[in-house]
PDB file of N, CA and C in Angstrom:
ATOM      1  N   MET A   1      91.409  91.991  78.005  1.00  0.00           N
ATOM      2  CA  MET A   1      92.562  91.511  78.730  1.00  0.00           C
ATOM      3  C   MET A   1      92.421  90.033  78.981  1.00  0.00           C
ATOM      4  N   ARG A   2      93.538  89.382  79.223  1.00  0.00           N
ATOM      5  CA  ARG A   2      93.530  87.943  79.480  1.00  0.00           C
ATOM      6  C   ARG A   2      93.181  87.672  80.931  1.00  0.00           C
ATOM      7  N   VAL A   3      92.354  86.651  81.135  1.00  0.00           N
ATOM      8  CA  VAL A   3      91.960  86.248  82.482  1.00  0.00           C
ATOM      9  C   VAL A   3      92.221  84.756  82.621  1.00  0.00           C
ATOM     10  N   LEU A   4      93.007  84.396  83.641  1.00  0.00           N
ATOM     11  CA  LEU A   4      93.276  82.997  83.949  1.00  0.00           C
ATOM     12  C   LEU A   4      92.151  82.473  84.831  1.00  0.00           C
ATOM     13  N   ILE A   5      91.538  81.385  84.412  1.00  0.00           N
ATOM     14  CA  ILE A   5      90.417  80.791  85.135  1.00  0.00           C
ATOM     15  C   ILE A   5      90.928  79.570  85.895  1.00  0.00           C
ATOM     16  N   PRO A   6      90.651  79.478  87.214  1.00  0.00           N
ATOM     17  CA  PRO A   6      91.097  78.301  87.962  1.00  0.00           C
ATOM     18  C   PRO A   6      90.323  77.054  87.528  1.00  0.00           C
ATOM     19  N   SER A   7      90.913  75.906  87.745  1.00  0.00           N
ATOM     20  CA  SER A   7      90.309  74.655  87.277  1.00  0.00           C
ATOM     21  C   SER A   7      88.901  74.441  87.832  1.00  0.00           C
ATOM     22  N   ALA A   8      88.640  74.889  89.049  1.00  0.00           N
ATOM     23  CA  ALA A   8      87.313  74.701  89.645  1.00  0.00           C
ATOM     24  C   ALA A   8      86.222  75.493  88.933  1.00  0.00           C
ATOM     25  N   LEU A   9      86.584  76.511  88.161  1.00  0.00           N
ATOM     26  CA  LEU A   9      85.600  77.325  87.444  1.00  0.00           C
ATOM     27  C   LEU A   9      85.615  77.088  85.935  1.00  0.00           C
ATOM     28  N   ARG A  10      86.447  76.190  85.476  1.00  0.00           N
ATOM     29  CA  ARG A  10      86.548  75.958  84.032  1.00  0.00           C
ATOM     30  C   ARG A  10      85.321  75.283  83.444  1.00  0.00           C
ATOM     31  N   SER A  11      84.461  74.739  84.283  1.00  0.00           N
ATOM     32  CA  SER A  11      83.218  74.170  83.751  1.00  0.00           C
ATOM     33  C   SER A  11      82.351  75.275  83.145  1.00  0.00           C
ATOM     34  N   TYR A  12      82.556  76.513  83.578  1.00  0.00           N
ATOM     35  CA  TYR A  12      81.836  77.655  82.999  1.00  0.00           C
ATOM     36  C   TYR A  12      82.437  78.065  81.655  1.00  0.00           C
ATOM     37  N   THR A  13      83.762  78.110  81.575  1.00  0.00           N
ATOM     38  CA  THR A  13      84.429  78.701  80.411  1.00  0.00           C
ATOM     39  C   THR A  13      84.926  77.680  79.397  1.00  0.00           C
ATOM     40  N   GLN A  14      85.163  76.457  79.835  1.00  0.00           N
ATOM     41  CA  GLN A  14      85.761  75.420  78.988  1.00  0.00           C
ATOM     42  C   GLN A  14      87.140  75.826  78.480  1.00  0.00           C
ATOM     43  N   ALA A  15      87.781  76.780  79.170  1.00  0.00           N
ATOM     44  CA  ALA A  15      89.102  77.248  78.749  1.00  0.00           C
ATOM     45  C   ALA A  15      89.894  77.736  79.955  1.00  0.00           C
ATOM     46  N   THR A  16      91.211  77.616  79.854  1.00  0.00           N
ATOM     47  CA  THR A  16      92.099  78.091  80.915  1.00  0.00           C
ATOM     48  C   THR A  16      92.224  79.606  80.887  1.00  0.00           C
ATOM     49  N   TRP A  17      92.383  80.178  79.701  1.00  0.00           N
ATOM     50  CA  TRP A  17      92.494  81.628  79.516  1.00  0.00           C
ATOM     51  C   TRP A  17      91.304  82.108  78.710  1.00  0.00           C
ATOM     52  N   VAL A  18      90.706  83.223  79.140  1.00  0.00           N
ATOM     53  CA  VAL A  18      89.611  83.848  78.400  1.00  0.00           C
ATOM     54  C   VAL A  18      89.891  85.344  78.291  1.00  0.00           C
ATOM     55  N   GLN A  19      89.140  86.015  77.453  1.00  0.00           N
ATOM     56  CA  GLN A  19      89.248  87.462  77.290  1.00  0.00           C
ATOM     57  C   GLN A  19      88.061  88.134  77.969  1.00  0.00           C
ATOM     58  N   ALA A  20      88.314  89.274  78.608  1.00  0.00           N
ATOM     59  CA  ALA A  20      87.246  90.061  79.228  1.00  0.00           C
ATOM     60  C   ALA A  20      87.615  91.530  79.134  1.00  0.00           C
ATOM     61  N   GLN A  21      86.593  92.369  79.228  1.00  0.00           N
ATOM     62  CA  GLN A  21      86.764  93.818  79.132  1.00  0.00           C
ATOM     63  C   GLN A  21      86.330  94.468  80.435  1.00  0.00           C
ATOM     64  N   GLY A  22      86.931  95.614  80.741  1.00  0.00           N
ATOM     65  CA  GLY A  22      86.508  96.398  81.892  1.00  0.00           C
ATOM     66  C   GLY A  22      87.599  97.330  82.359  1.00  0.00           C
ATOM     67  N   ALA A  23      87.182  98.432  82.966  1.00  0.00           N
ATOM     68  CA  ALA A  23      88.129  99.423  83.485  1.00  0.00           C
ATOM     69  C   ALA A  23      88.512  99.140  84.931  1.00  0.00           C
ATOM     70  N   SER A  24      87.809  98.196  85.566  1.00  0.00           N
ATOM     71  CA  SER A  24      88.108  97.814  86.950  1.00  0.00           C
ATOM     72  C   SER A  24      87.959  96.307  87.079  1.00  0.00           C
ATOM     73  N   LEU A  25      88.444  95.770  88.177  1.00  0.00           N
ATOM     74  CA  LEU A  25      88.311  94.342  88.419  1.00  0.00           C
ATOM     75  C   LEU A  25      86.839  93.926  88.444  1.00  0.00           C
ATOM     76  N   GLY A  26      85.996  94.722  89.099  1.00  0.00           N
ATOM     77  CA  GLY A  26      84.575  94.419  89.151  1.00  0.00           C
ATOM     78  C   GLY A  26      83.937  94.375  87.776  1.00  0.00           C
ATOM     79  N   GLU A  27      84.321  95.305  86.905  1.00  0.00           N
ATOM     80  CA  GLU A  27      83.778  95.322  85.548  1.00  0.00           C
ATOM     81  C   GLU A  27      84.234  94.110  84.751  1.00  0.00           C
ATOM     82  N   VAL A  28      85.462  93.672  84.961  1.00  0.00           N
ATOM     83  CA  VAL A  28      85.938  92.470  84.279  1.00  0.00           C
ATOM     84  C   VAL A  28      85.141  91.255  84.752  1.00  0.00           C
ATOM     85  N   LEU A  29      84.898  91.160  86.060  1.00  0.00           N
ATOM     86  CA  LEU A  29      84.106  90.041  86.574  1.00  0.00           C
ATOM     87  C   LEU A  29      82.674  90.107  86.059  1.00  0.00           C
ATOM     88  N   ASP A  30      82.120  91.311  85.929  1.00  0.00           N
ATOM     89  CA  ASP A  30      80.785  91.462  85.334  1.00  0.00           C
ATOM     90  C   ASP A  30      80.782  90.988  83.884  1.00  0.00           C
ATOM     91  N   ASP A  31      81.834  91.336  83.128  1.00  0.00           N
ATOM     92  CA  ASP A  31      81.923  90.908  81.738  1.00  0.00           C
ATOM     93  C   ASP A  31      82.050  89.391  81.653  1.00  0.00           C
ATOM     94  N   LEU A  32      82.832  88.807  82.545  1.00  0.00           N
ATOM     95  CA  LEU A  32      82.917  87.345  82.572  1.00  0.00           C
ATOM     96  C   LEU A  32      81.544  86.731  82.817  1.00  0.00           C
ATOM     97  N   ASP A  33      80.772  87.339  83.713  1.00  0.00           N
ATOM     98  CA  ASP A  33      79.449  86.805  84.017  1.00  0.00           C
ATOM     99  C   ASP A  33      78.497  86.953  82.830  1.00  0.00           C
ATOM    100  N   ARG A  34      78.656  87.999  82.040  1.00  0.00           N
ATOM    101  CA  ARG A  34      77.843  88.137  80.828  1.00  0.00           C
ATOM    102  C   ARG A  34      78.177  87.026  79.829  1.00  0.00           C
ATOM    103  N   GLN A  35      79.455  86.703  79.735  1.00  0.00           N
ATOM    104  CA  GLN A  35      79.885  85.665  78.806  1.00  0.00           C
ATOM    105  C   GLN A  35      79.622  84.258  79.338  1.00  0.00           C
ATOM    106  N   TYR A  36      79.774  84.090  80.651  1.00  0.00           N
ATOM    107  CA  TYR A  36      79.665  82.775  81.293  1.00  0.00           C
ATOM    108  C   TYR A  36      78.749  82.910  82.514  1.00  0.00           C
ATOM    109  N   PRO A  37      77.437  82.921  82.292  1.00  0.00           N
ATOM    110  CA  PRO A  37      76.479  83.184  83.378  1.00  0.00           C
ATOM    111  C   PRO A  37      76.704  82.290  84.597  1.00  0.00           C
ATOM    112  N   GLY A  38      76.723  82.957  85.768  1.00  0.00           N
ATOM    113  CA  GLY A  38      76.867  82.264  87.037  1.00  0.00           C
ATOM    114  C   GLY A  38      78.273  82.258  87.598  1.00  0.00           C
ATOM    115  N   ILE A  39      79.279  82.576  86.784  1.00  0.00           N
ATOM    116  CA  ILE A  39      80.660  82.486  87.259  1.00  0.00           C
ATOM    117  C   ILE A  39      80.972  83.540  88.335  1.00  0.00           C
ATOM    118  N   ARG A  40      80.401  84.738  88.211  1.00  0.00           N
ATOM    119  CA  ARG A  40      80.691  85.817  89.172  1.00  0.00           C
ATOM    120  C   ARG A  40      80.237  85.436  90.576  1.00  0.00           C
ATOM    121  N   PHE A  41      79.072  84.795  90.689  1.00  0.00           N
ATOM    122  CA  PHE A  41      78.555  84.420  92.002  1.00  0.00           C
ATOM    123  C   PHE A  41      79.494  83.451  92.722  1.00  0.00           C
ATOM    124  N   ARG A  42      80.228  82.674  91.987  1.00  0.00           N
ATOM    125  CA  ARG A  42      81.183  81.752  92.597  1.00  0.00           C
ATOM    126  C   ARG A  42      82.403  82.485  93.160  1.00  0.00           C
ATOM    127  N   MET A  43      82.626  83.743  92.695  1.00  0.00           N
ATOM    128  CA  MET A  43      83.798  84.511  93.123  1.00  0.00           C
ATOM    129  C   MET A  43      83.466  85.662  94.063  1.00  0.00           C
ATOM    130  N   VAL A  44      82.258  86.224  93.940  1.00  0.00           N
ATOM    131  CA  VAL A  44      81.879  87.437  94.669  1.00  0.00           C
ATOM    132  C   VAL A  44      80.626  87.148  95.491  1.00  0.00           C
ATOM    133  N   ASP A  45      80.626  87.603  96.759  1.00  0.00           N
ATOM    134  CA  ASP A  45      79.465  87.346  97.623  1.00  0.00           C
ATOM    135  C   ASP A  45      78.384  88.414  97.463  1.00  0.00           C
ATOM    136  N   GLU A  46      77.339  88.301  98.269  1.00  0.00           N
ATOM    137  CA  GLU A  46      76.190  89.202  98.172  1.00  0.00           C
ATOM    138  C   GLU A  46      76.508  90.629  98.620  1.00  0.00           C
ATOM    139  N   GLN A  47      77.624  90.835  99.306  1.00  0.00           N
ATOM    140  CA  GLN A  47      78.061  92.165  99.729  1.00  0.00           C
ATOM    141  C   GLN A  47      79.084  92.752  98.751  1.00  0.00           C
ATOM    142  N   ALA A  48      79.185  92.165  97.571  1.00  0.00           N
ATOM    143  CA  ALA A  48      80.107  92.618  96.519  1.00  0.00           C
ATOM    144  C   ALA A  48      81.566  92.585  96.980  1.00  0.00           C
ATOM    145  N   ARG A  49      81.921  91.522  97.693  1.00  0.00           N
ATOM    146  CA  ARG A  49      83.311  91.297  98.118  1.00  0.00           C
ATOM    147  C   ARG A  49      83.764  89.947  97.578  1.00  0.00           C
ATOM    148  N   LEU A  50      85.046  89.840  97.301  1.00  0.00           N
ATOM    149  CA  LEU A  50      85.575  88.547  96.880  1.00  0.00           C
ATOM    150  C   LEU A  50      85.343  87.534  97.987  1.00  0.00           C
ATOM    151  N   ARG A  51      84.929  86.351  97.623  1.00  0.00           N
ATOM    152  CA  ARG A  51      84.724  85.292  98.605  1.00  0.00           C
ATOM    153  C   ARG A  51      86.073  84.941  99.240  1.00  0.00           C
ATOM    154  N   PRO A  52      86.046  84.482 100.502  1.00  0.00           N
ATOM    155  CA  PRO A  52      87.301  84.234 101.232  1.00  0.00           C
ATOM    156  C   PRO A  52      88.247  83.240 100.554  1.00  0.00           C
ATOM    157  N   HIS A  53      87.724  82.307  99.794  1.00  0.00           N
ATOM    158  CA  HIS A  53      88.577  81.295  99.165  1.00  0.00           C
ATOM    159  C   HIS A  53      89.094  81.721  97.788  1.00  0.00           C
ATOM    160  N   MET A  54      88.765  82.938  97.361  1.00  0.00           N
ATOM    161  CA  MET A  54      89.208  83.418  96.055  1.00  0.00           C
ATOM    162  C   MET A  54      90.356  84.419  96.213  1.00  0.00           C
ATOM    163  N   ARG A  55      91.325  84.321  95.323  1.00  0.00           N
ATOM    164  CA  ARG A  55      92.419  85.290  95.257  1.00  0.00           C
ATOM    165  C   ARG A  55      92.510  85.770  93.818  1.00  0.00           C
ATOM    166  N   VAL A  56      92.763  87.064  93.653  1.00  0.00           N
ATOM    167  CA  VAL A  56      92.914  87.633  92.322  1.00  0.00           C
ATOM    168  C   VAL A  56      94.233  88.397  92.286  1.00  0.00           C
ATOM    169  N   PHE A  57      94.989  88.150  91.237  1.00  0.00           N
ATOM    170  CA  PHE A  57      96.245  88.851  91.013  1.00  0.00           C
ATOM    171  C   PHE A  57      96.140  89.600  89.697  1.00  0.00           C
ATOM    172  N   VAL A  58      96.469  90.872  89.735  1.00  0.00           N
ATOM    173  CA  VAL A  58      96.556  91.670  88.517  1.00  0.00           C
ATOM    174  C   VAL A  58      98.040  91.801  88.240  1.00  0.00           C
ATOM    175  N   ASN A  59      98.445  91.199  87.128  1.00  0.00           N
ATOM    176  CA  ASN A  59      99.862  91.010  86.834  1.00  0.00           C
ATOM    177  C   ASN A  59     100.447  90.205  87.994  1.00  0.00           C
ATOM    178  N   THR A  60     101.238  90.759  88.868  1.00  0.00           N
ATOM    179  CA  THR A  60     101.766  89.984  90.001  1.00  0.00           C
ATOM    180  C   THR A  60     101.275  90.508  91.345  1.00  0.00           C
ATOM    181  N   ARG A  61     100.376  91.474  91.336  1.00  0.00           N
ATOM    182  CA  ARG A  61      99.925  92.110  92.573  1.00  0.00           C
ATOM    183  C   ARG A  61      98.589  91.525  93.038  1.00  0.00           C
ATOM    184  N   ALA A  62      98.526  91.103  94.308  1.00  0.00           N
ATOM    185  CA  ALA A  62      97.283  90.596  94.885  1.00  0.00           C
ATOM    186  C   ALA A  62      96.307  91.754  95.050  1.00  0.00           C
ATOM    187  N   VAL A  63      95.066  91.542  94.613  1.00  0.00           N
ATOM    188  CA  VAL A  63      94.044  92.584  94.635  1.00  0.00           C
ATOM    189  C   VAL A  63      92.793  92.043  95.312  1.00  0.00           C
ATOM    190  N   LEU A  64      92.248  92.814  96.260  1.00  0.00           N
ATOM    191  CA  LEU A  64      91.005  92.443  96.941  1.00  0.00           C
ATOM    192  C   LEU A  64      89.849  93.354  96.578  1.00  0.00           C
ATOM    193  N   ASP A  65      90.146  94.545  96.099  1.00  0.00           N
ATOM    194  CA  ASP A  65      89.148  95.580  95.848  1.00  0.00           C
ATOM    195  C   ASP A  65      88.591  95.467  94.430  1.00  0.00           C
ATOM    196  N   LEU A  66      87.275  95.288  94.317  1.00  0.00           N
ATOM    197  CA  LEU A  66      86.655  95.183  92.998  1.00  0.00           C
ATOM    198  C   LEU A  66      86.743  96.492  92.212  1.00  0.00           C
ATOM    199  N   ALA A  67      87.001  97.597  92.885  1.00  0.00           N
ATOM    200  CA  ALA A  67      87.149  98.888  92.209  1.00  0.00           C
ATOM    201  C   ALA A  67      88.567  99.098  91.667  1.00  0.00           C
ATOM    202  N   TRP A  68      89.451  98.122  91.856  1.00  0.00           N
ATOM    203  CA  TRP A  68      90.841  98.254  91.408  1.00  0.00           C
ATOM    204  C   TRP A  68      90.868  98.556  89.915  1.00  0.00           C
ATOM    205  N   PRO A  69      91.532  99.647  89.515  1.00  0.00           N
ATOM    206  CA  PRO A  69      91.570 100.001  88.085  1.00  0.00           C
ATOM    207  C   PRO A  69      92.488  99.068  87.298  1.00  0.00           C
ATOM    208  N   LEU A  70      92.075  98.786  86.089  1.00  0.00           N
ATOM    209  CA  LEU A  70      92.851  97.926  85.206  1.00  0.00           C
ATOM    210  C   LEU A  70      93.244  98.680  83.950  1.00  0.00           C
ATOM    211  N   GLN A  71      94.345  98.262  83.362  1.00  0.00           N
ATOM    212  CA  GLN A  71      94.846  98.836  82.122  1.00  0.00           C
ATOM    213  C   GLN A  71      94.726  97.785  81.021  1.00  0.00           C
ATOM    214  N   ALA A  72      94.568  98.231  79.794  1.00  0.00           N
ATOM    215  CA  ALA A  72      94.596  97.303  78.663  1.00  0.00           C
ATOM    216  C   ALA A  72      95.925  96.559  78.703  1.00  0.00           C
ATOM    217  N   GLY A  73      95.888  95.280  78.512  1.00  0.00           N
ATOM    218  CA  GLY A  73      97.108  94.482  78.532  1.00  0.00           C
ATOM    219  C   GLY A  73      97.415  93.855  79.875  1.00  0.00           C
ATOM    220  N   ASP A  74      96.691  94.219  80.935  1.00  0.00           N
ATOM    221  CA  ASP A  74      96.891  93.565  82.230  1.00  0.00           C
ATOM    222  C   ASP A  74      96.479  92.100  82.135  1.00  0.00           C
ATOM    223  N   ASP A  75      97.150  91.263  82.901  1.00  0.00           N
ATOM    224  CA  ASP A  75      96.733  89.876  83.078  1.00  0.00           C
ATOM    225  C   ASP A  75      96.035  89.771  84.418  1.00  0.00           C
ATOM    226  N   VAL A  76      94.871  89.163  84.427  1.00  0.00           N
ATOM    227  CA  VAL A  76      94.119  88.927  85.659  1.00  0.00           C
ATOM    228  C   VAL A  76      94.160  87.429  85.919  1.00  0.00           C
ATOM    229  N   ASN A  77      94.728  87.053  87.058  1.00  0.00           N
ATOM    230  CA  ASN A  77      94.832  85.649  87.427  1.00  0.00           C
ATOM    231  C   ASN A  77      93.910  85.380  88.606  1.00  0.00           C
ATOM    232  N   ILE A  78      92.934  84.539  88.382  1.00  0.00           N
ATOM    233  CA  ILE A  78      91.996  84.157  89.432  1.00  0.00           C
ATOM    234  C   ILE A  78      92.469  82.828  89.993  1.00  0.00           C
ATOM    235  N   VAL A  79      92.625  82.773  91.309  1.00  0.00           N
ATOM    236  CA  VAL A  79      93.119  81.580  91.976  1.00  0.00           C
ATOM    237  C   VAL A  79      92.129  81.203  93.057  1.00  0.00           C
ATOM    238  N   GLN A  80      91.802  79.926  93.120  1.00  0.00           N
ATOM    239  CA  GLN A  80      90.896  79.447  94.148  1.00  0.00           C
ATOM    240  C   GLN A  80      91.713  78.678  95.167  1.00  0.00           C
ATOM    241  N   ALA A  81      91.641  79.108  96.430  1.00  0.00           N
ATOM    242  CA  ALA A  81      92.366  78.440  97.501  1.00  0.00           C
ATOM    243  C   ALA A  81      91.768  77.063  97.739  1.00  0.00           C
ATOM    244  N   LEU A  82      92.602  76.122  98.029  1.00  0.00           N
ATOM    245  CA  LEU A  82      92.165  74.764  98.324  1.00  0.00           C
ATOM    246  C   LEU A  82      92.366  74.488  99.791  1.00  0.00           C
ATOM    247  N   SER A  83      91.512  73.651 100.346  1.00  0.00           N
ATOM    248  CA  SER A  83      91.660  73.272 101.738  1.00  0.00           C
ATOM    249  C   SER A  83      91.383  71.784 101.843  1.00  0.00           C
ATOM    250  N   GLY A  84      91.743  71.264 102.936  1.00  0.00           N
ATOM    251  CA  GLY A  84      91.531  69.828 103.155  1.00  0.00           C
ATOM    252  C   GLY A  84      92.370  69.343 104.304  1.00  0.00           C
ATOM    253  N   GLY A  85      92.243  68.115 104.581  1.00  0.00           N
ATOM    254  CA  GLY A  85      92.991  67.601 105.725  1.00  0.00           C
ATOM    255  C   GLY A  85      93.502  66.228 105.489  1.00  0.00           C
TER     256      GLY A  85
END
């Protein structure tokens, strides 16, 4: 499935869109980490939860649960929240 990588993580992938495999969101993130070592740690904390500044959309639905099931052909959009003053 296609995965949109936010600009802050493109140093890992060198691409805006990449391909990954998995039956759940967590498996897709694991596959991304196999292809691009270290990228998962930037998105998922030590308790296996998405970090507070990360948002993931499957197609158009916001998803927080790494166990969320995915279908072939789904688009996974990873968005990194920005802050500042």
